[in-house]
């Protein structure tokens, strides 16, 4: 069977090939491809093994204008909404990581559906064809907590969930962040950092953000945990990157964020500063998301900053709304590009 990707119009029957999952067949114009159900949103499922895939989609409709975005797996935003006019068709290529469970690695919030799930949303979604091809491109692994993870249920969202939409094909975001995890627990749970370490190879990057749940971790233990992860990533051939945790929305009477908001923990350890110490000692790039998010939240002030968090919906000043997750992912990406952790050519 041919290994090149083939994309044809109309509702299509899916077949497997060595290098590709290709759509073939015919159906009425403006019908969704085979494997897909619904009209708004359109949900498509393909029986593929865990791994990395290039997904080529042809968006638009021969009969109507459309506005189509895409999420993959557990609500990962892989494409912001695209407008197409009547009869205008446009191709996009997305690189998607497939994992089971498809959301949080420990199965919190549900294990999802095996295989690849794509959801075409937007105001008026339309998709003409889909091709899926297994690849092993450079991977960007994420290790962290609930502010990073693929949150399975709205309105919660992690910044790692929003990051793929900003990246071009050829860089696969594999999000192994998990709710409630600390620097010690990500090391000890086989589904978390050990799973990342076992998959890491030359050309991969591993971003590590911990701290939110290290409420009583000593400075020594925190530094030791981070140092071990940095060294293990390098031993596997990957490039480690430390990310200090984003702030909580906790303001003092002076209108400034409190020490707790900035991750000075319950025993007085300044966790972002300890992470910076490890980065200097190990010669590791560091994205200071604590400072970047603190500047933003304080500039917005007590009222406008609520939009970033789930303050109004849940009374939650730690976890992000979809808007907040997208905003934090922008901060992470901009700094990653500045540090050359991610090349500008890899950004949409």
C-alpha atoms as a PDB file:
ATOM      1  CA  UNK A   1       0.000   0.000   0.000  1.00  0.00           C
ATOM      2  CA  UNK A   2       1.272   3.517  -0.659  1.00  0.00           C
ATOM      3  CA  UNK A   3       2.921   5.328   2.206  1.00  0.00           C
ATOM      4  CA  UNK A   4       2.165   8.848   0.976  1.00  0.00           C
ATOM      5  CA  UNK A   5      -0.786  10.622   2.526  1.00  0.00           C
ATOM      6  CA  UNK A   6      -3.941  10.698   0.382  1.00  0.00           C
ATOM      7  CA  UNK A   7      -6.854  13.033   1.005  1.00  0.00           C
ATOM      8  CA  UNK A   8     -10.142  12.750  -0.892  1.00  0.00           C
ATOM      9  CA  UNK A   9     -13.411  14.653  -0.508  1.00  0.00           C
ATOM     10  CA  UNK A  10     -16.624  13.440   1.065  1.00  0.00           C
ATOM     11  CA  UNK A  11     -17.565  10.877   3.690  1.00  0.00           C
ATOM     12  CA  UNK A  12     -14.773   8.363   3.597  1.00  0.00           C
ATOM     13  CA  UNK A  13     -14.078   4.832   4.698  1.00  0.00           C
ATOM     14  CA  UNK A  14     -10.941   4.525   6.798  1.00  0.00           C
ATOM     15  CA  UNK A  15      -8.188   2.019   5.988  1.00  0.00           C
ATOM     16  CA  UNK A  16      -4.830   1.364   7.632  1.00  0.00           C
ATOM     17  CA  UNK A  17      -1.487   1.380   5.856  1.00  0.00           C
ATOM     18  CA  UNK A  18       2.058   0.956   7.069  1.00  0.00           C
ATOM     19  CA  UNK A  19       2.601   4.689   7.214  1.00  0.00           C
ATOM     20  CA  UNK A  20      -0.891   6.131   7.020  1.00  0.00           C
ATOM     21  CA  UNK A  21      -4.554   5.895   7.832  1.00  0.00           C
ATOM     22  CA  UNK A  22      -6.221   7.142   4.652  1.00  0.00           C
ATOM     23  CA  UNK A  23      -9.805   8.038   3.751  1.00  0.00           C
ATOM     24  CA  UNK A  24     -11.295   6.424   0.644  1.00  0.00           C
ATOM     25  CA  UNK A  25     -14.757   6.329  -0.916  1.00  0.00           C
ATOM     26  CA  UNK A  26     -17.633   8.583  -1.859  1.00  0.00           C
ATOM     27  CA  UNK A  27     -20.642  10.127  -0.162  1.00  0.00           C
ATOM     28  CA  UNK A  28     -22.954  13.138  -0.505  1.00  0.00           C
ATOM     29  CA  UNK A  29     -21.249  16.527  -0.577  1.00  0.00           C
ATOM     30  CA  UNK A  30     -20.791  18.205   2.804  1.00  0.00           C
ATOM     31  CA  UNK A  31     -21.093  14.888   4.663  1.00  0.00           C
ATOM     32  CA  UNK A  32     -18.551  14.279   7.419  1.00  0.00           C
ATOM     33  CA  UNK A  33     -15.781  11.706   6.870  1.00  0.00           C
ATOM     34  CA  UNK A  34     -16.321   8.124   7.984  1.00  0.00           C
ATOM     35  CA  UNK A  35     -15.615   7.573  11.634  1.00  0.00           C
ATOM     36  CA  UNK A  36     -17.250  10.917  12.418  1.00  0.00           C
ATOM     37  CA  UNK A  37     -20.604  11.753  13.982  1.00  0.00           C
ATOM     38  CA  UNK A  38     -22.521  14.943  14.657  1.00  0.00           C
ATOM     39  CA  UNK A  39     -22.660  18.294  12.934  1.00  0.00           C
ATOM     40  CA  UNK A  40     -21.637  20.815  15.575  1.00  0.00           C
ATOM     41  CA  UNK A  41     -19.414  19.608  17.043  1.00  0.00           C
ATOM     42  CA  UNK A  42     -18.243  16.782  14.766  1.00  0.00           C
ATOM     43  CA  UNK A  43     -16.535  13.954  16.665  1.00  0.00           C
ATOM     44  CA  UNK A  44     -14.210  11.523  14.862  1.00  0.00           C
ATOM     45  CA  UNK A  45     -12.613   8.406  16.331  1.00  0.00           C
ATOM     46  CA  UNK A  46      -9.884   6.176  14.887  1.00  0.00           C
ATOM     47  CA  UNK A  47      -8.585   2.887  16.237  1.00  0.00           C
ATOM     48  CA  UNK A  48      -4.862   3.579  16.466  1.00  0.00           C
ATOM     49  CA  UNK A  49      -2.239   2.525  18.993  1.00  0.00           C
ATOM     50  CA  UNK A  50      -0.640   4.965  21.450  1.00  0.00           C
ATOM     51  CA  UNK A  51       2.060   7.042  19.768  1.00  0.00           C
ATOM     52  CA  UNK A  52       2.549  10.183  17.708  1.00  0.00           C
ATOM     53  CA  UNK A  53       0.545  10.970  14.558  1.00  0.00           C
ATOM     54  CA  UNK A  54       0.483  13.550  11.802  1.00  0.00           C
ATOM     55  CA  UNK A  55      -3.156  14.343  11.114  1.00  0.00           C
ATOM     56  CA  UNK A  56      -3.969  16.100   7.841  1.00  0.00           C
ATOM     57  CA  UNK A  57      -7.428  17.664   7.732  1.00  0.00           C
ATOM     58  CA  UNK A  58      -9.215  19.394   4.900  1.00  0.00           C
ATOM     59  CA  UNK A  59     -11.485  22.020   6.414  1.00  0.00           C
ATOM     60  CA  UNK A  60     -14.391  23.824   4.787  1.00  0.00           C
ATOM     61  CA  UNK A  61     -17.443  23.010   2.694  1.00  0.00           C
ATOM     62  CA  UNK A  62     -18.389  23.226  -0.988  1.00  0.00           C
ATOM     63  CA  UNK A  63     -21.842  24.503  -0.048  1.00  0.00           C
ATOM     64  CA  UNK A  64     -21.469  26.879   2.904  1.00  0.00           C
ATOM     65  CA  UNK A  65     -19.168  29.106   4.890  1.00  0.00           C
ATOM     66  CA  UNK A  66     -17.636  27.473   7.947  1.00  0.00           C
ATOM     67  CA  UNK A  67     -15.753  28.240  11.128  1.00  0.00           C
ATOM     68  CA  UNK A  68     -13.836  25.209  12.387  1.00  0.00           C
ATOM     69  CA  UNK A  69     -11.459  24.559  15.286  1.00  0.00           C
ATOM     70  CA  UNK A  70     -10.090  21.241  16.501  1.00  0.00           C
ATOM     71  CA  UNK A  71      -9.476  19.582  19.841  1.00  0.00           C
ATOM     72  CA  UNK A  72      -7.795  16.195  20.173  1.00  0.00           C
ATOM     73  CA  UNK A  73      -8.012  13.510  22.814  1.00  0.00           C
ATOM     74  CA  UNK A  74      -8.895  15.033  26.212  1.00  0.00           C
ATOM     75  CA  UNK A  75      -9.848  18.569  25.151  1.00  0.00           C
ATOM     76  CA  UNK A  76      -6.395  19.496  23.817  1.00  0.00           C
ATOM     77  CA  UNK A  77      -6.711  22.541  21.618  1.00  0.00           C
ATOM     78  CA  UNK A  78      -4.693  21.649  18.516  1.00  0.00           C
ATOM     79  CA  UNK A  79      -6.129  24.236  16.122  1.00  0.00           C
ATOM     80  CA  UNK A  80      -7.781  27.578  16.742  1.00  0.00           C
ATOM     81  CA  UNK A  81     -10.892  28.226  14.679  1.00  0.00           C
ATOM     82  CA  UNK A  82     -10.352  28.773  10.936  1.00  0.00           C
ATOM     83  CA  UNK A  83     -12.838  30.656   8.725  1.00  0.00           C
ATOM     84  CA  UNK A  84     -13.553  29.330   5.230  1.00  0.00           C
ATOM     85  CA  UNK A  85     -15.914  30.772   2.619  1.00  0.00           C
ATOM     86  CA  UNK A  86     -18.399  28.891   0.476  1.00  0.00           C
ATOM     87  CA  UNK A  87     -16.450  26.367  -1.598  1.00  0.00           C
ATOM     88  CA  UNK A  88     -13.155  27.242   0.095  1.00  0.00           C
ATOM     89  CA  UNK A  89     -11.174  24.225   1.320  1.00  0.00           C
ATOM     90  CA  UNK A  90      -7.978  24.507   3.320  1.00  0.00           C
ATOM     91  CA  UNK A  91      -5.552  21.837   4.527  1.00  0.00           C
ATOM     92  CA  UNK A  92      -3.907  21.811   7.946  1.00  0.00           C
ATOM     93  CA  UNK A  93      -1.404  19.310   9.354  1.00  0.00           C
ATOM     94  CA  UNK A  94      -1.380  18.682  13.115  1.00  0.00           C
ATOM     95  CA  UNK A  95       0.944  16.465  15.128  1.00  0.00           C
ATOM     96  CA  UNK A  96      -0.956  14.700  17.904  1.00  0.00           C
ATOM     97  CA  UNK A  97       0.167  12.449  20.751  1.00  0.00           C
ATOM     98  CA  UNK A  98      -2.172   9.527  21.490  1.00  0.00           C
ATOM     99  CA  UNK A  99      -2.008   8.016  24.961  1.00  0.00           C
ATOM    100  CA  UNK A 100      -4.197   5.760  27.092  1.00  0.00           C
ATOM    101  CA  UNK A 101      -5.557   7.099  29.401  1.00  0.00           C
ATOM    102  CA  UNK A 102      -5.969  10.018  27.040  1.00  0.00           C
ATOM    103  CA  UNK A 103      -6.345  12.682  29.749  1.00  0.00           C
ATOM    104  CA  UNK A 104      -4.495  12.605  33.035  1.00  0.00           C
ATOM    105  CA  UNK A 105      -1.988   9.714  33.094  1.00  0.00           C
ATOM    106  CA  UNK A 106      -3.315   8.257  36.365  1.00  0.00           C
ATOM    107  CA  UNK A 107      -6.883   8.196  35.016  1.00  0.00           C
ATOM    108  CA  UNK A 108      -8.225  10.991  37.210  1.00  0.00           C
ATOM    109  CA  UNK A 109     -11.459  12.244  35.710  1.00  0.00           C
ATOM    110  CA  UNK A 110     -11.842   9.195  33.480  1.00  0.00           C
ATOM    111  CA  UNK A 111      -9.690   7.244  31.060  1.00  0.00           C
ATOM    112  CA  UNK A 112     -11.344   8.501  27.888  1.00  0.00           C
ATOM    113  CA  UNK A 113     -11.640   6.509  24.674  1.00  0.00           C
ATOM    114  CA  UNK A 114      -8.850   4.303  23.273  1.00  0.00           C
ATOM    115  CA  UNK A 115      -7.375   5.414  19.961  1.00  0.00           C
ATOM    116  CA  UNK A 116      -7.432   8.898  18.476  1.00  0.00           C
ATOM    117  CA  UNK A 117     -10.336  11.263  19.135  1.00  0.00           C
ATOM    118  CA  UNK A 118     -10.736  14.494  17.157  1.00  0.00           C
ATOM    119  CA  UNK A 119     -13.487  17.027  17.790  1.00  0.00           C
ATOM    120  CA  UNK A 120     -14.198  19.678  15.156  1.00  0.00           C
ATOM    121  CA  UNK A 121     -15.824  22.621  16.891  1.00  0.00           C
ATOM    122  CA  UNK A 122     -16.195  26.325  16.225  1.00  0.00           C
ATOM    123  CA  UNK A 123     -19.344  28.237  15.269  1.00  0.00           C
ATOM    124  CA  UNK A 124     -20.125  26.175  12.140  1.00  0.00           C
ATOM    125  CA  UNK A 125     -17.600  23.336  11.762  1.00  0.00           C
ATOM    126  CA  UNK A 126     -17.004  21.559   8.453  1.00  0.00           C
ATOM    127  CA  UNK A 127     -14.428  18.903   7.588  1.00  0.00           C
ATOM    128  CA  UNK A 128     -14.076  17.261   4.181  1.00  0.00           C
ATOM    129  CA  UNK A 129     -11.295  14.729   4.735  1.00  0.00           C
ATOM    130  CA  UNK A 130      -8.915  13.350   7.349  1.00  0.00           C
ATOM    131  CA  UNK A 131      -5.655  11.429   6.992  1.00  0.00           C
ATOM    132  CA  UNK A 132      -3.711   9.977   9.937  1.00  0.00           C
ATOM    133  CA  UNK A 133      -0.090   8.843   9.653  1.00  0.00           C
ATOM    134  CA  UNK A 134       2.036   7.462  12.490  1.00  0.00           C
ATOM    135  CA  UNK A 135       5.338   9.306  13.001  1.00  0.00           C
ATOM    136  CA  UNK A 136       8.008   9.763  15.650  1.00  0.00           C
ATOM    137  CA  UNK A 137       8.913  13.448  15.508  1.00  0.00           C
ATOM    138  CA  UNK A 138      10.688  15.404  18.225  1.00  0.00           C
ATOM    139  CA  UNK A 139       8.456  15.312  21.289  1.00  0.00           C
ATOM    140  CA  UNK A 140       7.817  17.973  23.907  1.00  0.00           C
ATOM    141  CA  UNK A 141       7.001  16.087  27.116  1.00  0.00           C
ATOM    142  CA  UNK A 142       5.289  17.934  29.970  1.00  0.00           C
ATOM    143  CA  UNK A 143       5.641  16.883  33.613  1.00  0.00           C
ATOM    144  CA  UNK A 144       3.622  18.760  36.205  1.00  0.00           C
ATOM    145  CA  UNK A 145       0.398  19.276  38.094  1.00  0.00           C
ATOM    146  CA  UNK A 146      -3.219  20.294  37.531  1.00  0.00           C
ATOM    147  CA  UNK A 147      -2.294  23.736  36.178  1.00  0.00           C
ATOM    148  CA  UNK A 148      -0.490  21.985  33.293  1.00  0.00           C
ATOM    149  CA  UNK A 149      -2.462  18.785  32.681  1.00  0.00           C
ATOM    150  CA  UNK A 150      -5.095  17.821  30.128  1.00  0.00           C
ATOM    151  CA  UNK A 151      -8.149  18.526  32.270  1.00  0.00           C
ATOM    152  CA  UNK A 152     -10.956  16.160  31.209  1.00  0.00           C
ATOM    153  CA  UNK A 153     -13.884  18.370  32.233  1.00  0.00           C
ATOM    154  CA  UNK A 154     -14.806  21.990  31.534  1.00  0.00           C
ATOM    155  CA  UNK A 155     -14.447  24.641  32.773  1.00  0.00           C
ATOM    156  CA  UNK A 156     -11.031  23.456  34.023  1.00  0.00           C
ATOM    157  CA  UNK A 157      -8.030  23.723  31.691  1.00  0.00           C
ATOM    158  CA  UNK A 158      -4.264  23.361  31.996  1.00  0.00           C
ATOM    159  CA  UNK A 159      -1.764  25.425  30.042  1.00  0.00           C
ATOM    160  CA  UNK A 160      -0.296  22.253  28.527  1.00  0.00           C
ATOM    161  CA  UNK A 161      -3.741  21.560  27.087  1.00  0.00           C
ATOM    162  CA  UNK A 162      -3.669  24.857  25.197  1.00  0.00           C
ATOM    163  CA  UNK A 163      -0.048  24.703  24.011  1.00  0.00           C
ATOM    164  CA  UNK A 164      -0.438  22.465  20.903  1.00  0.00           C
ATOM    165  CA  UNK A 165      -2.538  25.061  19.058  1.00  0.00           C
ATOM    166  CA  UNK A 166       0.516  27.333  18.964  1.00  0.00           C
ATOM    167  CA  UNK A 167       2.893  24.797  17.425  1.00  0.00           C
ATOM    168  CA  UNK A 168       3.449  23.664  13.871  1.00  0.00           C
ATOM    169  CA  UNK A 169       3.343  20.066  12.730  1.00  0.00           C
ATOM    170  CA  UNK A 170       6.475  18.083  13.498  1.00  0.00           C
ATOM    171  CA  UNK A 171       6.566  18.803  17.233  1.00  0.00           C
ATOM    172  CA  UNK A 172       4.372  16.516  19.343  1.00  0.00           C
ATOM    173  CA  UNK A 173       3.179  17.672  22.776  1.00  0.00           C
ATOM    174  CA  UNK A 174       2.936  14.678  25.139  1.00  0.00           C
ATOM    175  CA  UNK A 175       1.311  15.920  28.336  1.00  0.00           C
ATOM    176  CA  UNK A 176       2.145  13.736  31.352  1.00  0.00           C
ATOM    177  CA  UNK A 177       1.083  16.307  33.942  1.00  0.00           C
ATOM    178  CA  UNK A 178      -1.401  15.072  36.546  1.00  0.00           C
ATOM    179  CA  UNK A 179      -3.549  16.685  39.223  1.00  0.00           C
ATOM    180  CA  UNK A 180      -2.257  16.855  42.787  1.00  0.00           C
ATOM    181  CA  UNK A 181       1.330  15.902  41.998  1.00  0.00           C
ATOM    182  CA  UNK A 182       4.435  17.157  43.790  1.00  0.00           C
ATOM    183  CA  UNK A 183       8.119  16.941  42.905  1.00  0.00           C
ATOM    184  CA  UNK A 184       8.314  13.667  44.821  1.00  0.00           C
ATOM    185  CA  UNK A 185       5.124  12.032  43.563  1.00  0.00           C
ATOM    186  CA  UNK A 186       5.871  12.588  39.868  1.00  0.00           C
ATOM    187  CA  UNK A 187       9.133  10.711  40.427  1.00  0.00           C
ATOM    188  CA  UNK A 188       7.579   7.791  42.288  1.00  0.00           C
ATOM    189  CA  UNK A 189       4.516   7.154  40.101  1.00  0.00           C
ATOM    190  CA  UNK A 190       5.323   4.909  37.114  1.00  0.00           C
ATOM    191  CA  UNK A 191       2.651   6.635  35.005  1.00  0.00           C
ATOM    192  CA  UNK A 192       4.310  10.041  35.347  1.00  0.00           C
ATOM    193  CA  UNK A 193       7.999  10.976  35.158  1.00  0.00           C
ATOM    194  CA  UNK A 194       9.213   7.359  34.798  1.00  0.00           C
ATOM    195  CA  UNK A 195       6.920   6.962  31.764  1.00  0.00           C
ATOM    196  CA  UNK A 196       8.369  10.128  30.249  1.00  0.00           C
ATOM    197  CA  UNK A 197      11.936   9.045  30.939  1.00  0.00           C
ATOM    198  CA  UNK A 198      11.374   5.668  29.281  1.00  0.00           C
ATOM    199  CA  UNK A 199      10.127   7.342  26.074  1.00  0.00           C
ATOM    200  CA  UNK A 200      12.613  10.198  25.905  1.00  0.00           C
ATOM    201  CA  UNK A 201      15.244  10.105  23.190  1.00  0.00           C
ATOM    202  CA  UNK A 202      17.676  12.481  21.504  1.00  0.00           C
ATOM    203  CA  UNK A 203      15.884  15.540  20.125  1.00  0.00           C
ATOM    204  CA  UNK A 204      13.117  15.486  22.738  1.00  0.00           C
ATOM    205  CA  UNK A 205      12.477  18.223  25.293  1.00  0.00           C
ATOM    206  CA  UNK A 206      11.032  17.667  28.780  1.00  0.00           C
ATOM    207  CA  UNK A 207       9.439  20.634  30.564  1.00  0.00           C
ATOM    208  CA  UNK A 208       9.092  20.116  34.317  1.00  0.00           C
ATOM    209  CA  UNK A 209       6.753  22.312  36.383  1.00  0.00           C
ATOM    210  CA  UNK A 210       6.235  21.362  40.026  1.00  0.00           C
ATOM    211  CA  UNK A 211       5.679  23.329  43.219  1.00  0.00           C
ATOM    212  CA  UNK A 212       1.950  23.817  43.635  1.00  0.00           C
ATOM    213  CA  UNK A 213       1.682  20.652  45.716  1.00  0.00           C
ATOM    214  CA  UNK A 214       5.065  20.809  47.452  1.00  0.00           C
ATOM    215  CA  UNK A 215       3.447  22.566  50.375  1.00  0.00           C
ATOM    216  CA  UNK A 216       5.644  20.921  53.009  1.00  0.00           C
ATOM    217  CA  UNK A 217       8.606  19.795  50.913  1.00  0.00           C
ATOM    218  CA  UNK A 218      11.959  20.896  52.327  1.00  0.00           C
ATOM    219  CA  UNK A 219      14.340  22.930  50.217  1.00  0.00           C
ATOM    220  CA  UNK A 220      16.818  20.041  50.151  1.00  0.00           C
ATOM    221  CA  UNK A 221      14.232  17.492  49.040  1.00  0.00           C
ATOM    222  CA  UNK A 222      12.851  19.831  46.377  1.00  0.00           C
ATOM    223  CA  UNK A 223      16.313  20.487  44.933  1.00  0.00           C
ATOM    224  CA  UNK A 224      17.175  16.789  45.024  1.00  0.00           C
ATOM    225  CA  UNK A 225      13.974  15.805  43.220  1.00  0.00           C
ATOM    226  CA  UNK A 226      14.511  18.378  40.491  1.00  0.00           C
ATOM    227  CA  UNK A 227      18.173  17.493  40.089  1.00  0.00           C
ATOM    228  CA  UNK A 228      17.320  13.826  39.676  1.00  0.00           C
ATOM    229  CA  UNK A 229      14.773  14.596  36.949  1.00  0.00           C
ATOM    230  CA  UNK A 230      17.182  16.879  35.095  1.00  0.00           C
ATOM    231  CA  UNK A 231      19.930  14.260  35.144  1.00  0.00           C
ATOM    232  CA  UNK A 232      17.586  11.428  34.143  1.00  0.00           C
ATOM    233  CA  UNK A 233      16.290  13.389  31.131  1.00  0.00           C
ATOM    234  CA  UNK A 234      19.833  14.107  29.997  1.00  0.00           C
ATOM    235  CA  UNK A 235      20.859  10.484  30.502  1.00  0.00           C
ATOM    236  CA  UNK A 236      18.015   9.489  28.140  1.00  0.00           C
ATOM    237  CA  UNK A 237      19.272  11.953  25.518  1.00  0.00           C
ATOM    238  CA  UNK A 238      16.634  14.624  26.073  1.00  0.00           C
ATOM    239  CA  UNK A 239      16.828  18.308  26.963  1.00  0.00           C
ATOM    240  CA  UNK A 240      15.343  19.243  30.366  1.00  0.00           C
ATOM    241  CA  UNK A 241      13.672  22.608  30.946  1.00  0.00           C
ATOM    242  CA  UNK A 242      12.516  23.763  34.379  1.00  0.00           C
ATOM    243  CA  UNK A 243       9.332  25.840  34.624  1.00  0.00           C
ATOM    244  CA  UNK A 244       8.511  27.648  37.849  1.00  0.00           C
ATOM    245  CA  UNK A 245       4.810  27.343  38.821  1.00  0.00           C
ATOM    246  CA  UNK A 246       2.293  30.032  37.848  1.00  0.00           C
ATOM    247  CA  UNK A 247       0.970  32.138  40.681  1.00  0.00           C
ATOM    248  CA  UNK A 248      -2.283  31.699  42.511  1.00  0.00           C
ATOM    249  CA  UNK A 249      -4.718  34.614  42.498  1.00  0.00           C
ATOM    250  CA  UNK A 250      -4.227  35.597  46.154  1.00  0.00           C
ATOM    251  CA  UNK A 251      -3.948  39.324  46.806  1.00  0.00           C
ATOM    252  CA  UNK A 252      -2.863  41.052  50.006  1.00  0.00           C
ATOM    253  CA  UNK A 253      -4.368  44.254  51.347  1.00  0.00           C
ATOM    254  CA  UNK A 254      -1.734  46.214  49.422  1.00  0.00           C
ATOM    255  CA  UNK A 255      -3.044  44.921  46.086  1.00  0.00           C
ATOM    256  CA  UNK A 256       0.031  42.745  45.567  1.00  0.00           C
ATOM    257  CA  UNK A 257       0.194  38.973  45.396  1.00  0.00           C
ATOM    258  CA  UNK A 258       0.991  37.242  48.673  1.00  0.00           C
ATOM    259  CA  UNK A 259       3.949  34.976  49.391  1.00  0.00           C
ATOM    260  CA  UNK A 260       1.641  31.979  49.202  1.00  0.00           C
ATOM    261  CA  UNK A 261       0.529  33.101  45.740  1.00  0.00           C
ATOM    262  CA  UNK A 262       4.190  33.188  44.716  1.00  0.00           C
ATOM    263  CA  UNK A 263       4.853  29.691  46.127  1.00  0.00           C
ATOM    264  CA  UNK A 264       6.610  30.308  49.396  1.00  0.00           C
ATOM    265  CA  UNK A 265       5.400  27.068  50.951  1.00  0.00           C
ATOM    266  CA  UNK A 266       4.017  26.279  54.418  1.00  0.00           C
ATOM    267  CA  UNK A 267       7.479  25.749  55.905  1.00  0.00           C
ATOM    268  CA  UNK A 268       8.930  28.906  54.376  1.00  0.00           C
ATOM    269  CA  UNK A 269      10.661  27.445  51.318  1.00  0.00           C
ATOM    270  CA  UNK A 270      10.632  29.747  48.295  1.00  0.00           C
ATOM    271  CA  UNK A 271      10.069  27.032  45.701  1.00  0.00           C
ATOM    272  CA  UNK A 272      10.645  29.143  42.548  1.00  0.00           C
ATOM    273  CA  UNK A 273      13.962  30.357  43.967  1.00  0.00           C
ATOM    274  CA  UNK A 274      14.995  26.772  44.733  1.00  0.00           C
ATOM    275  CA  UNK A 275      14.161  25.827  41.159  1.00  0.00           C
ATOM    276  CA  UNK A 276      16.341  28.674  39.909  1.00  0.00           C
ATOM    277  CA  UNK A 277      19.174  27.389  42.097  1.00  0.00           C
ATOM    278  CA  UNK A 278      18.922  23.958  40.481  1.00  0.00           C
ATOM    279  CA  UNK A 279      18.781  25.472  36.998  1.00  0.00           C
ATOM    280  CA  UNK A 280      21.991  27.413  37.619  1.00  0.00           C
ATOM    281  CA  UNK A 281      23.758  24.425  39.173  1.00  0.00           C
ATOM    282  CA  UNK A 282      22.753  22.086  36.350  1.00  0.00           C
ATOM    283  CA  UNK A 283      23.054  24.566  33.490  1.00  0.00           C
ATOM    284  CA  UNK A 284      19.400  24.005  32.638  1.00  0.00           C
ATOM    285  CA  UNK A 285      17.095  26.478  30.848  1.00  0.00           C
ATOM    286  CA  UNK A 286      14.443  27.896  33.145  1.00  0.00           C
ATOM    287  CA  UNK A 287      11.136  29.513  32.266  1.00  0.00           C
ATOM    288  CA  UNK A 288      10.184  31.775  35.164  1.00  0.00           C
ATOM    289  CA  UNK A 289       6.428  31.405  34.825  1.00  0.00           C
ATOM    290  CA  UNK A 290       6.010  32.548  38.417  1.00  0.00           C
ATOM    291  CA  UNK A 291       7.359  36.000  37.614  1.00  0.00           C
ATOM    292  CA  UNK A 292       5.695  36.193  34.207  1.00  0.00           C
ATOM    293  CA  UNK A 293       2.273  35.268  35.588  1.00  0.00           C
ATOM    294  CA  UNK A 294       2.715  37.482  38.676  1.00  0.00           C
ATOM    295  CA  UNK A 295       3.386  40.514  36.491  1.00  0.00           C
ATOM    296  CA  UNK A 296       0.312  39.793  34.410  1.00  0.00           C
ATOM    297  CA  UNK A 297      -2.022  39.100  37.343  1.00  0.00           C
ATOM    298  CA  UNK A 298      -0.923  42.183  39.266  1.00  0.00           C
ATOM    299  CA  UNK A 299      -1.270  44.352  36.158  1.00  0.00           C
ATOM    300  CA  UNK A 300      -4.814  43.085  35.663  1.00  0.00           C
ATOM    301  CA  UNK A 301      -5.675  43.608  39.321  1.00  0.00           C
ATOM    302  CA  UNK A 302      -8.136  41.875  41.597  1.00  0.00           C
ATOM    303  CA  UNK A 303     -11.151  42.116  39.280  1.00  0.00           C
ATOM    304  CA  UNK A 304      -9.838  41.616  35.738  1.00  0.00           C
ATOM    305  CA  UNK A 305      -7.556  38.761  36.825  1.00  0.00           C
ATOM    306  CA  UNK A 306     -10.613  36.662  37.753  1.00  0.00           C
ATOM    307  CA  UNK A 307     -11.021  35.831  34.060  1.00  0.00           C
ATOM    308  CA  UNK A 308      -7.774  33.850  34.079  1.00  0.00           C
ATOM    309  CA  UNK A 309      -8.901  31.589  36.904  1.00  0.00           C
ATOM    310  CA  UNK A 310     -12.106  29.827  37.944  1.00  0.00           C
ATOM    311  CA  UNK A 311     -12.845  32.428  40.596  1.00  0.00           C
ATOM    312  CA  UNK A 312     -16.362  33.203  39.433  1.00  0.00           C
ATOM    313  CA  UNK A 313     -17.351  29.672  38.401  1.00  0.00           C
ATOM    314  CA  UNK A 314     -15.824  27.661  41.247  1.00  0.00           C
ATOM    315  CA  UNK A 315     -14.385  30.114  43.756  1.00  0.00           C
ATOM    316  CA  UNK A 316     -11.031  28.688  42.640  1.00  0.00           C
ATOM    317  CA  UNK A 317      -7.999  30.980  42.481  1.00  0.00           C
ATOM    318  CA  UNK A 318      -5.492  28.292  41.460  1.00  0.00           C
ATOM    319  CA  UNK A 319      -6.905  26.514  38.396  1.00  0.00           C
ATOM    320  CA  UNK A 320      -7.327  28.121  35.009  1.00  0.00           C
ATOM    321  CA  UNK A 321     -10.254  28.813  32.763  1.00  0.00           C
ATOM    322  CA  UNK A 322      -9.742  27.997  29.099  1.00  0.00           C
ATOM    323  CA  UNK A 323      -8.862  31.653  28.562  1.00  0.00           C
ATOM    324  CA  UNK A 324      -6.374  31.557  31.433  1.00  0.00           C
ATOM    325  CA  UNK A 325      -4.779  28.332  30.208  1.00  0.00           C
ATOM    326  CA  UNK A 326      -4.376  29.809  26.739  1.00  0.00           C
ATOM    327  CA  UNK A 327      -2.846  32.961  28.217  1.00  0.00           C
ATOM    328  CA  UNK A 328      -0.365  30.969  30.314  1.00  0.00           C
ATOM    329  CA  UNK A 329       0.582  28.828  27.326  1.00  0.00           C
ATOM    330  CA  UNK A 330       1.395  32.021  25.427  1.00  0.00           C
ATOM    331  CA  UNK A 331       3.701  33.125  28.241  1.00  0.00           C
ATOM    332  CA  UNK A 332       5.439  29.738  28.286  1.00  0.00           C
ATOM    333  CA  UNK A 333       5.884  29.622  24.526  1.00  0.00           C
ATOM    334  CA  UNK A 334       7.184  33.169  24.194  1.00  0.00           C
ATOM    335  CA  UNK A 335       9.836  32.513  26.827  1.00  0.00           C
ATOM    336  CA  UNK A 336      10.661  29.099  25.344  1.00  0.00           C
ATOM    337  CA  UNK A 337      11.301  30.733  21.972  1.00  0.00           C
ATOM    338  CA  UNK A 338      13.383  33.483  23.574  1.00  0.00           C
ATOM    339  CA  UNK A 339      15.529  30.823  25.262  1.00  0.00           C
ATOM    340  CA  UNK A 340      15.671  28.780  22.023  1.00  0.00           C
ATOM    341  CA  UNK A 341      14.052  25.852  23.820  1.00  0.00           C
ATOM    342  CA  UNK A 342      11.501  25.901  20.995  1.00  0.00           C
ATOM    343  CA  UNK A 343      12.588  27.277  17.640  1.00  0.00           C
ATOM    344  CA  UNK A 344      10.566  30.089  16.084  1.00  0.00           C
ATOM    345  CA  UNK A 345      10.144  27.894  12.981  1.00  0.00           C
ATOM    346  CA  UNK A 346       8.171  25.435  15.132  1.00  0.00           C
ATOM    347  CA  UNK A 347       5.565  28.071  16.031  1.00  0.00           C
ATOM    348  CA  UNK A 348       2.389  28.669  14.021  1.00  0.00           C
END
